[in-house]
Amino acid sequence: MLYDLTVVQFSKMLNNLNHILDKAEAFAALKKIDMAVLLNFRLAPDQFNLIRQVQIACDTAKIGVARLTGHMDSVPTHDDNETTLEELRQRITSVLNYLEGFSEADFGHAEKVHVSQPRWGSKYLTGYEFAIEHAIPNFYFHITTAYAILRHNGVDVGKKDYLGAIPYKVPLI
């Protein structure tokens, strides 16, 4: 279950984010807006800009999965120095490639592992708690904020862009 909730969904949403960024690039070209304006936009003075939202979404996906599976030693490093759309796309691709290396079998003990972070001190969460209480909500928060920044600036994105393809079923009659 945690494999589907993390690897599968994080990958889907990072691909959706790429699609949304494509729409932002087309919007900027059409409106003759420097893409840097959108990349550096923030919704509130104390909130991160679009670049940082993408960086944190990527970090949450890769580090969250690594913590759940005990693969912290294999997490790709990123220097958080992206300034262009192409650099953000490269980061997203790097994380997608990393996530592809995991299988459901890697999550065999993930629900029960103890997950901690330096800022938590001696506290920990079980893998299940970490996934549903921290990693997944944090990931979606930053994806949603990236979406909202672009939507606020007039980029023609909607719920279908955010959600992406849905595997609807047709009932058999």
C-alpha atoms as a PDB file:
ATOM      1  CA  MET A   1       0.000   0.000   0.000  1.00  0.00           C
ATOM      2  CA  LEU A   2       2.725   2.533   0.903  1.00  0.00           C
ATOM      3  CA  TYR A   3       4.401   1.866  -2.439  1.00  0.00           C
ATOM      4  CA  ASP A   4       1.236   2.949  -4.266  1.00  0.00           C
ATOM      5  CA  LEU A   5       0.689   5.948  -2.001  1.00  0.00           C
ATOM      6  CA  THR A   6       4.248   7.175  -2.402  1.00  0.00           C
ATOM      7  CA  VAL A   7       6.171   5.957  -5.437  1.00  0.00           C
ATOM      8  CA  VAL A   8       3.191   5.599  -7.752  1.00  0.00           C
ATOM      9  CA  GLN A   9       1.401   8.784  -6.690  1.00  0.00           C
ATOM     10  CA  PHE A  10       4.543  10.904  -6.297  1.00  0.00           C
ATOM     11  CA  SER A  11       5.597   9.897  -9.815  1.00  0.00           C
ATOM     12  CA  LYS A  12       2.179  10.667 -11.243  1.00  0.00           C
ATOM     13  CA  MET A  13       2.038  14.069  -9.580  1.00  0.00           C
ATOM     14  CA  LEU A  14       5.596  15.003 -10.591  1.00  0.00           C
ATOM     15  CA  ASN A  15       4.646  14.189 -14.179  1.00  0.00           C
ATOM     16  CA  ASN A  16       1.523  16.334 -13.761  1.00  0.00           C
ATOM     17  CA  LEU A  17       3.737  19.116 -12.398  1.00  0.00           C
ATOM     18  CA  ASN A  18       5.899  18.842 -15.523  1.00  0.00           C
ATOM     19  CA  HIS A  19       2.744  19.225 -17.625  1.00  0.00           C
ATOM     20  CA  ILE A  20       1.692  22.279 -15.615  1.00  0.00           C
ATOM     21  CA  LEU A  21       5.159  23.795 -16.056  1.00  0.00           C
ATOM     22  CA  ASP A  22       4.862  23.202 -19.819  1.00  0.00           C
ATOM     23  CA  LYS A  23       1.646  25.194 -19.787  1.00  0.00           C
ATOM     24  CA  ALA A  24       3.372  27.938 -17.808  1.00  0.00           C
ATOM     25  CA  GLU A  25       6.150  28.105 -20.388  1.00  0.00           C
ATOM     26  CA  ALA A  26       3.645  28.382 -23.237  1.00  0.00           C
ATOM     27  CA  PHE A  27       1.726  31.066 -21.315  1.00  0.00           C
ATOM     28  CA  ALA A  28       4.900  33.076 -20.696  1.00  0.00           C
ATOM     29  CA  ALA A  29       5.852  32.888 -24.367  1.00  0.00           C
ATOM     30  CA  LEU A  30       2.361  33.892 -25.522  1.00  0.00           C
ATOM     31  CA  LYS A  31       2.137  36.806 -23.103  1.00  0.00           C
ATOM     32  CA  LYS A  32       5.800  37.758 -23.580  1.00  0.00           C
ATOM     33  CA  ILE A  33       6.497  37.358 -19.870  1.00  0.00           C
ATOM     34  CA  ASP A  34       9.990  36.507 -18.705  1.00  0.00           C
ATOM     35  CA  MET A  35       9.684  32.979 -17.266  1.00  0.00           C
ATOM     36  CA  ALA A  36      11.851  34.121 -14.357  1.00  0.00           C
ATOM     37  CA  VAL A  37       8.935  36.263 -13.183  1.00  0.00           C
ATOM     38  CA  LEU A  38       6.751  33.172 -12.765  1.00  0.00           C
ATOM     39  CA  LEU A  39       9.573  31.078 -11.311  1.00  0.00           C
ATOM     40  CA  ASN A  40      10.266  33.654  -8.618  1.00  0.00           C
ATOM     41  CA  PHE A  41       6.640  34.464  -7.810  1.00  0.00           C
ATOM     42  CA  ARG A  42       5.248  33.660  -4.371  1.00  0.00           C
ATOM     43  CA  LEU A  43       1.679  33.832  -3.105  1.00  0.00           C
ATOM     44  CA  ALA A  44       2.604  35.596   0.134  1.00  0.00           C
ATOM     45  CA  PRO A  45       5.699  37.476   1.315  1.00  0.00           C
ATOM     46  CA  ASP A  46       6.568  34.746   3.826  1.00  0.00           C
ATOM     47  CA  GLN A  47       5.996  31.851   1.420  1.00  0.00           C
ATOM     48  CA  PHE A  48       8.511  30.194  -0.901  1.00  0.00           C
ATOM     49  CA  ASN A  49       8.547  30.998  -4.604  1.00  0.00           C
ATOM     50  CA  LEU A  50       7.673  28.569  -7.402  1.00  0.00           C
ATOM     51  CA  ILE A  51      11.257  27.341  -7.744  1.00  0.00           C
ATOM     52  CA  ARG A  52      11.440  26.401  -4.073  1.00  0.00           C
ATOM     53  CA  GLN A  53       7.993  24.763  -4.163  1.00  0.00           C
ATOM     54  CA  VAL A  54       9.201  22.452  -6.945  1.00  0.00           C
ATOM     55  CA  GLN A  55      12.469  21.741  -5.133  1.00  0.00           C
ATOM     56  CA  ILE A  56      10.699  20.817  -1.897  1.00  0.00           C
ATOM     57  CA  ALA A  57       8.128  18.630  -3.683  1.00  0.00           C
ATOM     58  CA  CYS A  58      11.008  16.751  -5.310  1.00  0.00           C
ATOM     59  CA  ASP A  59      12.907  16.453  -2.026  1.00  0.00           C
ATOM     60  CA  THR A  60       9.824  15.233  -0.188  1.00  0.00           C
ATOM     61  CA  ALA A  61       9.256  12.513  -2.781  1.00  0.00           C
ATOM     62  CA  LYS A  62      12.814  11.199  -2.962  1.00  0.00           C
ATOM     63  CA  ILE A  63      13.676  11.498   0.732  1.00  0.00           C
ATOM     64  CA  GLY A  64      10.281  10.238   1.882  1.00  0.00           C
ATOM     65  CA  VAL A  65      10.602   7.056  -0.164  1.00  0.00           C
ATOM     66  CA  ALA A  66      14.238   6.622   0.890  1.00  0.00           C
ATOM     67  CA  ARG A  67      13.353   6.909   4.586  1.00  0.00           C
ATOM     68  CA  LEU A  68      10.516   4.421   4.250  1.00  0.00           C
ATOM     69  CA  THR A  69      12.689   1.852   2.499  1.00  0.00           C
ATOM     70  CA  GLY A  70      15.992   2.382   4.291  1.00  0.00           C
ATOM     71  CA  HIS A  71      17.745   3.708   1.188  1.00  0.00           C
ATOM     72  CA  MET A  72      18.942   7.092   2.445  1.00  0.00           C
ATOM     73  CA  ASP A  73      22.408   6.331   1.086  1.00  0.00           C
ATOM     74  CA  SER A  74      21.107   6.298  -2.485  1.00  0.00           C
ATOM     75  CA  VAL A  75      19.136   9.554  -2.522  1.00  0.00           C
ATOM     76  CA  PRO A  76      20.231  11.782  -5.410  1.00  0.00           C
ATOM     77  CA  THR A  77      21.605  15.104  -4.230  1.00  0.00           C
ATOM     78  CA  HIS A  78      20.461  18.419  -5.592  1.00  0.00           C
ATOM     79  CA  ASP A  79      22.123  21.690  -4.680  1.00  0.00           C
ATOM     80  CA  ASP A  80      18.927  23.786  -4.710  1.00  0.00           C
ATOM     81  CA  ASN A  81      20.519  26.144  -7.229  1.00  0.00           C
ATOM     82  CA  GLU A  82      17.969  25.891 -10.034  1.00  0.00           C
ATOM     83  CA  THR A  83      17.064  29.212 -11.612  1.00  0.00           C
ATOM     84  CA  THR A  84      15.516  28.141 -14.921  1.00  0.00           C
ATOM     85  CA  LEU A  85      12.597  26.033 -16.017  1.00  0.00           C
ATOM     86  CA  GLU A  86      14.950  23.596 -17.742  1.00  0.00           C
ATOM     87  CA  GLU A  87      16.902  23.094 -14.519  1.00  0.00           C
ATOM     88  CA  LEU A  88      13.667  22.400 -12.638  1.00  0.00           C
ATOM     89  CA  ARG A  89      12.646  19.880 -15.286  1.00  0.00           C
ATOM     90  CA  GLN A  90      16.022  18.160 -14.894  1.00  0.00           C
ATOM     91  CA  ARG A  91      15.470  17.929 -11.154  1.00  0.00           C
ATOM     92  CA  ILE A  92      12.001  16.470 -11.593  1.00  0.00           C
ATOM     93  CA  THR A  93      13.367  13.954 -14.113  1.00  0.00           C
ATOM     94  CA  SER A  94      16.160  12.980 -11.727  1.00  0.00           C
ATOM     95  CA  VAL A  95      13.631  12.277  -8.980  1.00  0.00           C
ATOM     96  CA  LEU A  96      11.333  10.373 -11.341  1.00  0.00           C
ATOM     97  CA  ASN A  97      14.284   8.220 -12.425  1.00  0.00           C
ATOM     98  CA  TYR A  98      15.163   7.578  -8.783  1.00  0.00           C
ATOM     99  CA  LEU A  99      11.594   6.571  -7.920  1.00  0.00           C
ATOM    100  CA  GLU A 100      11.542   4.137 -10.867  1.00  0.00           C
ATOM    101  CA  GLY A 101      14.229   2.133  -9.077  1.00  0.00           C
ATOM    102  CA  PHE A 102      11.824   1.091  -6.314  1.00  0.00           C
ATOM    103  CA  SER A 103       9.439  -1.822  -6.308  1.00  0.00           C
ATOM    104  CA  GLU A 104       6.640  -2.870  -4.020  1.00  0.00           C
ATOM    105  CA  ALA A 105       9.019  -5.390  -2.453  1.00  0.00           C
ATOM    106  CA  ASP A 106      11.208  -2.521  -1.178  1.00  0.00           C
ATOM    107  CA  PHE A 107       8.319  -1.531   1.094  1.00  0.00           C
ATOM    108  CA  GLY A 108       8.043  -4.884   2.889  1.00  0.00           C
ATOM    109  CA  HIS A 109       8.793  -3.410   6.335  1.00  0.00           C
ATOM    110  CA  ALA A 110       8.083   0.237   5.559  1.00  0.00           C
ATOM    111  CA  GLU A 111       4.971   0.556   7.728  1.00  0.00           C
ATOM    112  CA  LYS A 112       6.856  -0.340  10.900  1.00  0.00           C
ATOM    113  CA  VAL A 113      10.260   1.331  10.433  1.00  0.00           C
ATOM    114  CA  HIS A 114      11.105   4.170  12.773  1.00  0.00           C
ATOM    115  CA  VAL A 115      11.506   7.410  10.857  1.00  0.00           C
ATOM    116  CA  SER A 116      13.135  10.421  12.410  1.00  0.00           C
ATOM    117  CA  GLN A 117      14.687  13.684  11.324  1.00  0.00           C
ATOM    118  CA  PRO A 118      17.256  15.834  13.103  1.00  0.00           C
ATOM    119  CA  ARG A 119      14.706  18.559  13.849  1.00  0.00           C
ATOM    120  CA  TRP A 120      12.478  16.059  15.644  1.00  0.00           C
ATOM    121  CA  GLY A 121      15.131  15.359  18.286  1.00  0.00           C
ATOM    122  CA  SER A 122      14.615  11.898  19.768  1.00  0.00           C
ATOM    123  CA  LYS A 123      11.043  11.631  18.458  1.00  0.00           C
ATOM    124  CA  TYR A 124      10.088   9.308  15.622  1.00  0.00           C
ATOM    125  CA  LEU A 125       7.106   8.157  13.614  1.00  0.00           C
ATOM    126  CA  THR A 126       6.407   4.696  12.285  1.00  0.00           C
ATOM    127  CA  GLY A 127       6.771   4.459   8.541  1.00  0.00           C
ATOM    128  CA  TYR A 128       3.012   4.373   8.154  1.00  0.00           C
ATOM    129  CA  GLU A 129       2.578   7.472  10.311  1.00  0.00           C
ATOM    130  CA  PHE A 130       5.435   9.230   8.547  1.00  0.00           C
ATOM    131  CA  ALA A 131       3.880   8.547   5.143  1.00  0.00           C
ATOM    132  CA  ILE A 132       0.307   9.590   5.947  1.00  0.00           C
ATOM    133  CA  GLU A 133       1.009  12.342   8.492  1.00  0.00           C
ATOM    134  CA  HIS A 134       4.089  13.979   7.011  1.00  0.00           C
ATOM    135  CA  ALA A 135       5.486  12.925   3.620  1.00  0.00           C
ATOM    136  CA  ILE A 136       2.277  12.676   1.599  1.00  0.00           C
ATOM    137  CA  PRO A 137       0.601  15.853   2.935  1.00  0.00           C
ATOM    138  CA  ASN A 138       3.850  17.822   2.615  1.00  0.00           C
ATOM    139  CA  PHE A 139       4.342  16.637  -0.966  1.00  0.00           C
ATOM    140  CA  TYR A 140       0.815  17.629  -1.973  1.00  0.00           C
ATOM    141  CA  PHE A 141       1.104  20.970  -0.186  1.00  0.00           C
ATOM    142  CA  HIS A 142       4.078  21.979  -2.341  1.00  0.00           C
ATOM    143  CA  ILE A 143       2.609  20.605  -5.590  1.00  0.00           C
ATOM    144  CA  THR A 144      -0.638  22.457  -4.871  1.00  0.00           C
ATOM    145  CA  THR A 145       1.182  25.674  -4.031  1.00  0.00           C
ATOM    146  CA  ALA A 146       3.175  25.478  -7.274  1.00  0.00           C
ATOM    147  CA  TYR A 147      -0.118  24.993  -9.134  1.00  0.00           C
ATOM    148  CA  ALA A 148      -1.721  27.901  -7.249  1.00  0.00           C
ATOM    149  CA  ILE A 149       1.170  30.251  -8.041  1.00  0.00           C
ATOM    150  CA  LEU A 150       0.773  29.591 -11.753  1.00  0.00           C
ATOM    151  CA  ARG A 151      -3.029  29.711 -11.655  1.00  0.00           C
ATOM    152  CA  HIS A 152      -2.880  33.006  -9.752  1.00  0.00           C
ATOM    153  CA  ASN A 153      -0.698  34.439 -12.507  1.00  0.00           C
ATOM    154  CA  GLY A 154      -3.184  33.510 -15.225  1.00  0.00           C
ATOM    155  CA  VAL A 155      -1.726  30.254 -16.506  1.00  0.00           C
ATOM    156  CA  ASP A 156      -4.585  28.225 -17.962  1.00  0.00           C
ATOM    157  CA  VAL A 157      -4.411  25.232 -15.634  1.00  0.00           C
ATOM    158  CA  GLY A 158      -7.312  23.488 -14.015  1.00  0.00           C
ATOM    159  CA  LYS A 159      -8.212  20.514 -11.903  1.00  0.00           C
ATOM    160  CA  LYS A 160      -7.694  18.085 -14.799  1.00  0.00           C
ATOM    161  CA  ASP A 161      -4.116  19.334 -15.190  1.00  0.00           C
ATOM    162  CA  TYR A 162      -3.516  18.912 -11.470  1.00  0.00           C
ATOM    163  CA  LEU A 163      -5.108  15.467 -11.179  1.00  0.00           C
ATOM    164  CA  GLY A 164      -3.863  14.101 -14.501  1.00  0.00           C
ATOM    165  CA  ALA A 165      -5.205  10.893 -15.981  1.00  0.00           C
ATOM    166  CA  ILE A 166      -7.759   9.040 -13.862  1.00  0.00           C
ATOM    167  CA  PRO A 167      -8.212   5.293 -14.413  1.00  0.00           C
ATOM    168  CA  TYR A 168     -11.989   5.384 -14.710  1.00  0.00           C
ATOM    169  CA  LYS A 169     -13.741   2.067 -15.189  1.00  0.00           C
ATOM    170  CA  VAL A 170     -16.732   1.414 -17.405  1.00  0.00           C
ATOM    171  CA  PRO A 171     -19.300  -0.904 -15.836  1.00  0.00           C
ATOM    172  CA  LEU A 172     -20.013  -4.113 -17.686  1.00  0.00           C
ATOM    173  CA  ILE A 173     -23.653  -4.431 -18.624  1.00  0.00           C
END
